[in-house]
Protein backbone atom coordinates (compact mmCIF):
# COMPACT_ATOMS: atom_id res chain seq x y z
CA MET A 1 -20.74 -1.58 10.62
CA LYS A 2 -18.65 -1.61 7.45
CA LYS A 3 -16.18 -4.37 6.82
CA ARG A 4 -12.56 -3.13 6.45
CA GLN A 5 -10.33 -4.56 3.80
CA VAL A 6 -6.62 -3.59 3.98
CA VAL A 7 -4.35 -4.40 1.09
CA VAL A 8 -1.02 -5.97 1.91
CA LYS A 9 0.94 -6.89 -1.14
CA LYS A 10 3.71 -9.48 -0.81
CA THR A 11 6.62 -9.60 -3.20
CA SER A 12 9.51 -11.99 -3.04
CA SER A 13 12.97 -11.95 -4.48
CA SER A 14 15.43 -14.71 -5.23
CA ARG A 15 17.83 -13.52 -2.50
CA GLY A 16 15.81 -14.89 0.44
CA SER A 17 13.94 -11.72 1.38
CA SER A 18 10.41 -10.58 0.91
CA ALA A 19 8.81 -7.15 1.05
CA ARG A 20 5.41 -6.39 2.49
CA VAL A 21 3.74 -3.34 0.98
CA ARG A 22 1.01 -1.61 2.97
CA TYR A 23 -0.85 1.57 1.96
CA GLY A 24 -1.44 4.12 4.71
CA GLU A 25 -3.20 7.46 4.92
CA CYS A 26 -4.38 9.38 1.84
CA GLN A 27 -2.17 12.29 0.78
CA LYS A 28 -4.32 13.59 -2.06
CA ASN A 29 -4.49 17.38 -2.02
CA HIS A 30 -8.14 18.24 -2.75
CA ALA A 31 -7.52 22.02 -2.82
CA ALA A 32 -4.59 22.01 -5.32
CA ASN A 33 -6.68 23.60 -8.06
CA ILE A 34 -7.31 26.68 -5.94
CA GLY A 35 -3.76 26.93 -4.56
CA GLY A 36 -4.46 25.53 -1.13
CA TYR A 37 -3.78 22.34 0.81
CA ALA A 38 -6.48 20.12 2.16
CA VAL A 39 -6.52 16.32 2.67
CA ASP A 40 -9.69 14.34 3.40
CA GLY A 41 -8.41 12.52 6.48
CA CYS A 42 -8.68 8.98 5.08
CA ARG A 43 -6.42 7.08 7.49
CA GLU A 44 -5.85 3.85 5.58
CA PHE A 45 -6.38 2.37 2.12
CA MET A 46 -9.33 0.00 1.89
CA ALA A 47 -9.73 -1.74 -1.44
CA GLY A 48 -13.08 -1.14 -3.13
CA GLY A 49 -13.20 -4.62 -4.71
CA GLU A 50 -11.61 -7.99 -5.02
CA GLU A 51 -7.91 -8.39 -5.99
CA GLY A 52 -7.48 -8.43 -9.76
CA THR A 53 -10.41 -6.12 -10.49
CA ASN A 54 -10.29 -2.42 -11.40
CA ALA A 55 -12.06 -1.62 -8.09
CA ALA A 56 -9.14 -3.12 -6.13
CA VAL A 57 -6.98 -0.01 -6.75
CA SER A 58 -9.72 2.40 -5.72
CA CYS A 59 -10.15 3.31 -2.03
CA ALA A 60 -13.55 2.39 -0.59
CA ALA A 61 -13.28 5.15 2.06
CA CYS A 62 -12.26 8.23 0.02
CA GLY A 63 -12.70 7.09 -3.60
CA CYS A 64 -9.21 7.98 -4.83
CA HIS A 65 -6.60 5.78 -6.50
CA ARG A 66 -4.25 3.69 -4.41
CA SER A 67 -1.25 5.75 -5.62
CA PHE A 68 -2.45 8.74 -3.51
CA HIS A 69 -1.96 6.67 -0.34
CA ARG A 70 1.37 6.61 1.46
CA ARG A 71 3.24 3.39 0.58
CA GLU A 72 4.96 1.55 3.42
CA VAL A 73 7.45 -1.12 2.43
CA ASN A 74 8.67 -3.50 5.17
CA GLU A 75 11.43 -5.82 3.97
CA VAL A 76 11.69 -9.10 5.79
CA VAL A 77 14.86 -11.15 5.47
CA ARG A 78 14.43 -14.86 6.09
CA GLU A 79 17.04 -16.36 8.33
CA GLY A 80 19.22 -19.09 6.87
CA SER A 81 18.48 -18.25 3.30
CA ALA A 82 21.48 -16.03 2.60
CA THR A 83 24.31 -17.58 0.60
CA SER A 84 27.95 -17.17 1.47
CA ASP A 85 31.05 -18.18 -0.40
CA HIS A 86 33.65 -20.13 1.60
CA VAL A 87 37.16 -20.47 0.11
């Protein structure tokens, strides 16, 4: 059984919110050079190596670059961190 590794990238901003980035199914068109449309069916990005290495942006399941996978951004706003001006 192969171990699955899903990449979830966290980014934070100074406004009290953070975004979680997840990479979903592969959308690479393997038949583009012959004028067709065919995807390989890779359902989820799995990093091919440790974070910080070149292999981390290559999918272990289908071998393509992370940019071919659908990017899902979920923004999370932390409660109580918003600033308001009272006059």
